[in-house]
Protein backbone atom coordinates (compact mmCIF):
# COMPACT_ATOMS: atom_id res chain seq x y z
CA MET A 1 -5.40 -7.61 12.21
CA GLY A 2 -8.72 -9.01 11.08
CA ARG A 3 -7.95 -8.49 7.43
CA TYR A 4 -5.23 -11.15 7.47
CA THR A 5 -5.81 -14.83 8.20
CA GLU A 6 -2.16 -15.65 8.85
CA SER A 7 0.93 -14.08 10.35
CA LYS A 8 1.98 -10.92 8.53
CA CYS A 9 5.62 -12.06 8.58
CA LYS A 10 4.56 -15.39 7.13
CA ILE A 11 2.82 -13.58 4.25
CA CYS A 12 6.02 -11.69 3.44
CA ARG A 13 8.11 -14.86 3.54
CA ARG A 14 5.64 -16.68 1.31
CA THR A 15 5.64 -13.93 -1.33
CA GLY A 16 9.39 -13.40 -0.99
CA VAL A 17 8.94 -9.61 -0.86
CA LYS A 18 8.94 -7.07 1.96
CA LEU A 19 5.34 -5.86 2.02
CA PHE A 20 5.88 -3.58 5.05
CA LEU A 21 2.82 -5.02 6.79
CA LYS A 22 4.47 -4.43 10.17
CA GLY A 23 5.64 -0.88 9.51
CA ALA A 24 9.07 0.19 10.74
CA ARG A 25 9.98 -3.36 11.85
CA CYS A 26 10.25 -4.35 8.18
CA SER A 27 13.21 -1.97 7.77
CA THR A 28 15.20 -3.58 10.60
CA ALA A 29 17.19 -6.77 11.00
CA LYS A 30 14.15 -8.30 12.73
CA CYS A 31 12.27 -8.47 9.41
CA ALA A 32 11.27 -12.05 8.64
CA VAL A 33 12.31 -11.78 5.00
CA SER A 34 15.80 -10.56 5.98
CA ARG A 35 16.21 -13.39 8.49
CA ARG A 36 14.83 -16.15 6.30
CA GLU A 37 14.53 -15.55 2.57
CA TYR A 38 12.45 -18.63 1.75
CA PRO A 39 8.81 -19.67 2.24
CA PRO A 40 7.63 -21.09 5.57
CA GLY A 41 7.32 -24.84 6.15
CA MET A 42 9.54 -27.91 5.80
CA HIS A 43 11.15 -28.96 2.53
CA THR A 44 10.57 -25.57 0.94
CA TRP A 45 12.42 -26.67 -2.19
CA ARG A 46 9.41 -28.87 -3.03
CA ARG A 47 6.85 -26.10 -2.69
CA GLY A 48 5.17 -24.76 -5.84
CA THR A 49 5.15 -26.04 -9.41
CA GLY A 50 6.58 -22.99 -11.12
CA SER A 51 3.59 -22.87 -13.50
CA ASP A 52 2.31 -19.70 -15.19
CA TYR A 53 -0.84 -20.01 -13.07
CA ASN A 54 1.24 -20.08 -9.87
CA ALA A 55 3.29 -17.09 -10.96
CA GLY A 56 0.19 -15.03 -11.76
CA LEU A 57 -1.52 -16.01 -8.52
CA ARG A 58 1.56 -15.09 -6.48
CA GLU A 59 1.78 -11.63 -8.09
CA LYS A 60 -1.93 -11.03 -7.51
CA GLN A 61 -1.71 -12.12 -3.86
CA LYS A 62 1.34 -9.92 -3.38
CA VAL A 63 -0.65 -6.87 -4.54
CA LYS A 64 -3.71 -7.80 -2.45
CA TYR A 65 -1.69 -8.19 0.75
CA TYR A 66 0.38 -5.05 0.16
CA TYR A 67 -2.61 -2.76 -0.40
CA GLY A 68 -4.86 -4.64 2.04
CA LEU A 69 -7.50 -5.63 -0.53
CA LEU A 70 -10.19 -8.26 -0.36
CA ASP A 71 -10.93 -10.31 -3.49
CA ARG A 72 -14.03 -8.30 -4.36
CA GLN A 73 -12.14 -5.02 -3.98
CA PHE A 74 -9.33 -6.26 -6.20
CA ARG A 75 -11.81 -7.34 -8.89
CA ALA A 76 -13.44 -3.89 -8.80
CA PHE A 77 -10.08 -2.16 -9.31
CA PHE A 78 -9.16 -4.59 -12.10
CA ALA A 79 -12.49 -4.07 -13.89
CA ARG A 80 -12.00 -0.31 -13.73
CA ALA A 81 -8.46 -0.63 -15.09
CA GLU A 82 -9.74 -2.73 -18.02
CA ARG A 83 -12.26 -0.02 -18.96
CA GLN A 84 -9.61 2.70 -19.03
CA LYS A 85 -7.51 3.49 -22.08
CA GLY A 86 -3.93 2.23 -22.16
CA ASN A 87 -2.16 -0.69 -20.53
CA THR A 88 -4.44 -2.51 -18.06
CA GLY A 89 -1.61 -3.52 -15.75
CA GLU A 90 -0.26 0.03 -15.52
CA ASN A 91 -3.76 1.44 -15.00
CA LEU A 92 -4.33 -1.04 -12.17
CA MET A 93 -1.11 -0.29 -10.31
CA VAL A 94 -1.38 3.49 -10.68
CA SER A 95 -4.97 3.40 -9.37
CA LEU A 96 -3.94 1.33 -6.35
CA GLU A 97 -1.10 3.75 -5.66
CA ARG A 98 -3.66 6.58 -5.47
CA ARG A 99 -5.73 4.94 -2.72
CA LEU A 100 -6.12 7.34 0.19
CA ASP A 101 -4.93 4.88 2.85
CA HIS A 102 -1.82 4.16 0.76
CA VAL A 103 -1.13 7.88 0.31
CA VAL A 104 -1.36 8.36 4.08
CA TYR A 105 1.19 5.55 4.43
CA LEU A 106 3.49 7.06 1.78
CA LEU A 107 3.46 10.39 3.61
CA GLY A 108 4.65 8.62 6.76
CA TRP A 109 1.52 9.64 8.67
CA GLY A 110 0.84 5.96 9.27
CA LEU A 111 3.66 3.61 10.27
CA SER A 112 2.08 0.73 8.33
CA HIS A 113 -0.72 0.25 5.83
CA THR A 114 -2.93 -1.06 8.63
CA ASN A 115 -2.22 2.01 10.76
CA ALA A 116 -2.90 4.34 7.80
CA ARG A 117 -6.17 2.55 6.95
CA GLN A 118 -7.29 2.83 10.56
CA MET A 119 -6.70 6.59 10.53
CA VAL A 120 -8.87 6.96 7.43
CA VAL A 121 -11.68 4.73 8.73
CA HIS A 122 -11.74 6.64 12.04
CA GLY A 123 -12.27 9.92 10.17
CA ASP A 124 -8.87 11.41 11.02
CA ILE A 125 -8.04 12.32 7.39
CA PHE A 126 -9.50 15.18 5.34
CA VAL A 127 -9.30 15.79 1.59
CA ASN A 128 -9.91 19.36 0.42
CA GLY A 129 -11.41 20.15 3.80
CA SER A 130 -13.92 17.28 3.80
CA ARG A 131 -13.61 14.21 6.03
CA VAL A 132 -13.09 11.04 3.97
CA ASN A 133 -13.45 7.70 5.76
CA ARG A 134 -13.16 5.38 2.73
CA PRO A 135 -9.64 3.91 2.43
CA SER A 136 -10.32 3.06 -1.23
CA ALA A 137 -11.04 6.69 -2.21
CA LEU A 138 -8.63 7.84 -4.93
CA VAL A 139 -6.74 11.10 -4.62
CA SER A 140 -6.70 13.41 -7.66
CA LEU A 141 -4.49 16.18 -9.02
CA ASP A 142 -4.21 19.21 -6.68
CA ASP A 143 -5.99 17.46 -3.81
CA VAL A 144 -4.95 18.80 -0.40
CA ILE A 145 -4.76 16.20 2.37
CA THR A 146 -4.77 17.14 6.05
CA CYS A 147 -5.28 15.35 9.34
CA HIS A 148 -7.71 16.11 12.18
CA LYS A 149 -6.76 19.28 14.07
CA SER A 150 -6.97 17.67 17.52
CA ASP A 151 -3.72 17.67 19.47
CA ALA A 152 -3.79 13.88 19.85
CA ILE A 153 -3.99 13.24 16.09
CA VAL A 154 -1.49 15.97 15.15
CA ASN A 155 1.03 14.69 17.71
CA MET A 156 0.53 11.10 16.52
CA VAL A 157 1.07 12.07 12.87
CA LYS A 158 4.23 14.01 13.67
CA ALA A 159 5.56 11.15 15.79
CA ASN A 160 4.85 8.70 12.94
CA VAL A 161 6.63 10.96 10.43
CA GLU A 162 9.62 11.10 12.76
CA GLY A 163 9.55 7.31 13.11
CA SER A 164 9.45 6.74 9.34
CA LYS A 165 12.20 9.13 8.28
CA GLY A 166 13.93 6.40 6.30
CA ARG A 167 10.93 6.27 3.95
CA ASP A 168 11.10 8.82 1.14
CA VAL A 169 7.94 10.65 0.11
CA PRO A 170 7.46 10.12 -3.65
CA GLY A 171 7.88 13.08 -6.01
CA TRP A 172 4.21 13.24 -6.95
CA LEU A 173 3.33 14.22 -3.38
CA GLU A 174 4.32 17.34 -1.47
CA SER A 175 4.48 16.89 2.29
CA LYS A 176 4.40 19.71 4.85
CA SER A 177 4.53 17.76 8.07
CA GLU A 178 6.26 20.63 9.90
CA LEU A 179 3.12 22.81 9.83
CA PRO A 180 1.02 23.12 13.01
CA VAL A 181 -1.43 20.76 11.25
CA PRO A 182 0.42 18.46 8.81
CA GLU A 183 -0.64 18.93 5.19
CA ALA A 184 0.14 17.32 1.84
CA LYS A 185 -0.73 18.06 -1.78
CA VAL A 186 -1.00 15.88 -4.88
CA LEU A 187 1.32 17.61 -7.36
CA ARG A 188 0.62 15.13 -10.17
CA LEU A 189 -0.60 11.60 -10.65
CA PRO A 190 1.95 8.82 -10.12
CA THR A 191 3.58 6.98 -13.01
CA ARG A 192 4.06 3.22 -13.27
CA GLU A 193 7.76 3.65 -12.44
CA GLU A 194 6.83 5.27 -9.12
CA VAL A 195 4.72 2.37 -7.88
CA THR A 196 6.22 1.35 -4.55
CA ILE A 197 5.87 -2.44 -4.83
CA GLU A 198 7.88 -4.58 -7.23
CA VAL A 199 5.36 -6.63 -9.14
CA GLN A 200 4.94 -8.06 -12.64
CA ASP A 201 1.59 -6.52 -13.53
CA GLN A 202 1.37 -8.33 -16.88
CA LEU A 203 1.21 -11.66 -15.03
CA ILE A 204 -1.66 -10.27 -12.95
CA VAL A 205 -3.53 -9.20 -16.09
CA GLU A 206 -3.07 -12.63 -17.69
CA PHE A 207 -4.18 -14.40 -14.51
CA SER A 208 -7.19 -12.17 -13.85
CA SER A 209 -8.37 -12.31 -17.48
CA ARG A 210 -8.77 -16.11 -17.41
């Protein structure tokens, strides 16, 4: 909760996109975006100037809220993407998609990004047999991801997977949640087309390069 300074539903309404900040609730009729597809506040038709600056800022904020990034963290990811070969926007989005907390969310082990991040920070997630408590750690090809072997964590993960059955695990991940201790493997690195949030990354690059 502390990472957000305003209501999570309000953030989704303001960006106009379901960011799944409240987990399974976002897939129901109770979702704020489904109930009211316009920004919060009175006279919403007056809000915003429609400028290129506004458009770039909105796309950047959308990405920050979705992946749970602070400004400094976003700048670090953007700087790394600029140094890599290829399209900066694609490099940025693919790197963010590989964040460990996001992968835990994609697997359904966490019902929301906040829940998935909490599991990582608390040391409940292991990569190749080693505990990793940094949500920003990037998974790599052939990495094997498991959860803590304690009954409480295993039961929680399996319950979360059951509660997020409507969410498909992307093709670049292999999930084996039916094992006594749930396990997943990175089959390949994600492509830009497999990024789970709809965002215009070129606007982000233009905005962040100012």
